């Protein structure tokens, strides 16, 4: 048997007014949500950045190995004198900082 109450049933408007502080339009909830979304995006971007830096490092390592293999093959074939190979290896692997402006 159902119990009869004198209270009217709660509706959406009653729940909304009960959960929000008086004088508040709920904007602060939206702000918290946006902060959380931005933190998640920052985390994803940091992961992407780490992956990209790792890939660049792997590419640099492979390029250095390729240069070494080229030099070894040229030395074995006696195509280039040893001094030129050593000079070419140091100039290829050396990284230049900044830029040069020619006038």
C-alpha atoms as a PDB file:
ATOM      1  CA  UNK A   1       0.000   0.000   0.000  1.00  0.00           C
ATOM      2  CA  UNK A   2       1.405   3.412  -0.992  1.00  0.00           C
ATOM      3  CA  UNK A   3       1.971   6.013   1.659  1.00  0.00           C
ATOM      4  CA  UNK A   4       0.331   9.333   0.937  1.00  0.00           C
ATOM      5  CA  UNK A   5       2.363  12.468   1.652  1.00  0.00           C
ATOM      6  CA  UNK A   6       1.313  16.054   1.737  1.00  0.00           C
ATOM      7  CA  UNK A   7       4.473  17.119  -0.150  1.00  0.00           C
ATOM      8  CA  UNK A   8       4.197  17.825  -3.846  1.00  0.00           C
ATOM      9  CA  UNK A   9       6.600  15.816  -6.068  1.00  0.00           C
ATOM     10  CA  UNK A  10       9.942  17.439  -6.840  1.00  0.00           C
ATOM     11  CA  UNK A  11      10.368  18.735 -10.354  1.00  0.00           C
ATOM     12  CA  UNK A  12      13.403  19.888 -12.301  1.00  0.00           C
ATOM     13  CA  UNK A  13      12.920  23.491 -11.260  1.00  0.00           C
ATOM     14  CA  UNK A  14      12.824  22.463  -7.587  1.00  0.00           C
ATOM     15  CA  UNK A  15      16.020  20.446  -7.922  1.00  0.00           C
ATOM     16  CA  UNK A  16      17.810  23.243  -9.729  1.00  0.00           C
ATOM     17  CA  UNK A  17      16.971  25.787  -7.079  1.00  0.00           C
ATOM     18  CA  UNK A  18      17.986  23.377  -4.324  1.00  0.00           C
ATOM     19  CA  UNK A  19      21.428  22.638  -5.772  1.00  0.00           C
ATOM     20  CA  UNK A  20      22.510  26.196  -6.558  1.00  0.00           C
ATOM     21  CA  UNK A  21      23.460  28.817  -4.055  1.00  0.00           C
ATOM     22  CA  UNK A  22      21.175  31.795  -4.010  1.00  0.00           C
ATOM     23  CA  UNK A  23      22.443  34.653  -6.105  1.00  0.00           C
ATOM     24  CA  UNK A  24      24.710  32.388  -8.170  1.00  0.00           C
ATOM     25  CA  UNK A  25      24.096  31.865 -11.855  1.00  0.00           C
ATOM     26  CA  UNK A  26      26.171  28.662 -12.073  1.00  0.00           C
ATOM     27  CA  UNK A  27      28.952  30.292 -14.074  1.00  0.00           C
ATOM     28  CA  UNK A  28      31.614  29.071 -11.650  1.00  0.00           C
ATOM     29  CA  UNK A  29      30.684  25.448 -12.499  1.00  0.00           C
ATOM     30  CA  UNK A  30      31.309  26.203 -16.160  1.00  0.00           C
ATOM     31  CA  UNK A  31      34.641  27.813 -15.286  1.00  0.00           C
ATOM     32  CA  UNK A  32      35.730  24.726 -13.316  1.00  0.00           C
ATOM     33  CA  UNK A  33      34.763  22.501 -16.230  1.00  0.00           C
ATOM     34  CA  UNK A  34      36.745  24.657 -18.664  1.00  0.00           C
ATOM     35  CA  UNK A  35      39.793  24.578 -16.370  1.00  0.00           C
ATOM     36  CA  UNK A  36      39.576  20.788 -16.239  1.00  0.00           C
ATOM     37  CA  UNK A  37      39.253  20.544 -20.015  1.00  0.00           C
ATOM     38  CA  UNK A  38      42.278  22.807 -20.498  1.00  0.00           C
ATOM     39  CA  UNK A  39      44.342  20.739 -18.064  1.00  0.00           C
ATOM     40  CA  UNK A  40      43.495  17.590 -20.010  1.00  0.00           C
ATOM     41  CA  UNK A  41      44.447  19.265 -23.285  1.00  0.00           C
ATOM     42  CA  UNK A  42      47.756  20.445 -21.787  1.00  0.00           C
ATOM     43  CA  UNK A  43      48.494  16.879 -20.650  1.00  0.00           C
ATOM     44  CA  UNK A  44      47.761  15.502 -24.134  1.00  0.00           C
ATOM     45  CA  UNK A  45      49.980  18.158 -25.759  1.00  0.00           C
ATOM     46  CA  UNK A  46      52.824  17.315 -23.368  1.00  0.00           C
ATOM     47  CA  UNK A  47      52.542  13.662 -24.382  1.00  0.00           C
ATOM     48  CA  UNK A  48      52.583  14.643 -28.066  1.00  0.00           C
ATOM     49  CA  UNK A  49      55.631  16.840 -27.484  1.00  0.00           C
ATOM     50  CA  UNK A  50      57.532  14.063 -25.709  1.00  0.00           C
ATOM     51  CA  UNK A  51      56.727  11.644 -28.530  1.00  0.00           C
ATOM     52  CA  UNK A  52      57.862  14.146 -31.166  1.00  0.00           C
ATOM     53  CA  UNK A  53      61.139  14.871 -29.337  1.00  0.00           C
ATOM     54  CA  UNK A  54      61.791  11.135 -29.026  1.00  0.00           C
ATOM     55  CA  UNK A  55      61.186  10.664 -32.736  1.00  0.00           C
ATOM     56  CA  UNK A  56      63.553  13.537 -33.618  1.00  0.00           C
ATOM     57  CA  UNK A  57      66.253  12.010 -31.404  1.00  0.00           C
ATOM     58  CA  UNK A  58      65.817   8.635 -33.133  1.00  0.00           C
ATOM     59  CA  UNK A  59      66.092  10.292 -36.552  1.00  0.00           C
ATOM     60  CA  UNK A  60      69.291  12.092 -35.506  1.00  0.00           C
ATOM     61  CA  UNK A  61      70.798   8.819 -34.299  1.00  0.00           C
ATOM     62  CA  UNK A  62      69.940   7.078 -37.562  1.00  0.00           C
ATOM     63  CA  UNK A  63      71.445   9.921 -39.615  1.00  0.00           C
ATOM     64  CA  UNK A  64      74.679   9.659 -37.626  1.00  0.00           C
ATOM     65  CA  UNK A  65      74.780   5.890 -38.267  1.00  0.00           C
ATOM     66  CA  UNK A  66      74.170   6.450 -41.974  1.00  0.00           C
ATOM     67  CA  UNK A  67      77.062   8.913 -42.150  1.00  0.00           C
ATOM     68  CA  UNK A  68      79.351   6.412 -40.429  1.00  0.00           C
ATOM     69  CA  UNK A  69      78.319   3.622 -42.820  1.00  0.00           C
ATOM     70  CA  UNK A  70      78.871   5.881 -45.849  1.00  0.00           C
ATOM     71  CA  UNK A  71      82.340   6.799 -44.621  1.00  0.00           C
ATOM     72  CA  UNK A  72      83.233   3.144 -43.974  1.00  0.00           C
ATOM     73  CA  UNK A  73      82.072   2.116 -47.449  1.00  0.00           C
ATOM     74  CA  UNK A  74      83.999   4.941 -49.103  1.00  0.00           C
ATOM     75  CA  UNK A  75      87.135   4.022 -47.186  1.00  0.00           C
ATOM     76  CA  UNK A  76      86.753   0.358 -48.117  1.00  0.00           C
ATOM     77  CA  UNK A  77      86.373   1.280 -51.786  1.00  0.00           C
ATOM     78  CA  UNK A  78      89.333   3.689 -51.663  1.00  0.00           C
ATOM     79  CA  UNK A  79      87.232   6.296 -53.410  1.00  0.00           C
ATOM     80  CA  UNK A  80      87.981   9.230 -51.145  1.00  0.00           C
ATOM     81  CA  UNK A  81      91.199   9.895 -49.245  1.00  0.00           C
ATOM     82  CA  UNK A  82      90.916   9.342 -45.502  1.00  0.00           C
ATOM     83  CA  UNK A  83      91.470  12.988 -44.597  1.00  0.00           C
ATOM     84  CA  UNK A  84      88.508  14.127 -46.705  1.00  0.00           C
ATOM     85  CA  UNK A  85      86.252  11.454 -45.189  1.00  0.00           C
ATOM     86  CA  UNK A  86      87.164  12.489 -41.658  1.00  0.00           C
ATOM     87  CA  UNK A  87      86.601  16.145 -42.517  1.00  0.00           C
ATOM     88  CA  UNK A  88      83.245  15.378 -44.162  1.00  0.00           C
ATOM     89  CA  UNK A  89      82.111  13.343 -41.156  1.00  0.00           C
ATOM     90  CA  UNK A  90      82.843  16.167 -38.736  1.00  0.00           C
ATOM     91  CA  UNK A  91      81.152  18.803 -40.876  1.00  0.00           C
ATOM     92  CA  UNK A  92      78.014  16.717 -41.417  1.00  0.00           C
ATOM     93  CA  UNK A  93      77.477  15.858 -37.780  1.00  0.00           C
ATOM     94  CA  UNK A  94      78.329  19.294 -36.384  1.00  0.00           C
ATOM     95  CA  UNK A  95      75.230  21.310 -35.667  1.00  0.00           C
ATOM     96  CA  UNK A  96      75.250  24.986 -36.495  1.00  0.00           C
ATOM     97  CA  UNK A  97      73.775  27.394 -33.988  1.00  0.00           C
ATOM     98  CA  UNK A  98      72.108  30.570 -35.102  1.00  0.00           C
ATOM     99  CA  UNK A  99      72.214  31.761 -38.697  1.00  0.00           C
ATOM    100  CA  UNK A 100      74.527  33.682 -40.960  1.00  0.00           C
ATOM    101  CA  UNK A 101      73.535  36.768 -42.873  1.00  0.00           C
ATOM    102  CA  UNK A 102      75.486  37.621 -45.992  1.00  0.00           C
ATOM    103  CA  UNK A 103      75.390  41.181 -47.258  1.00  0.00           C
END
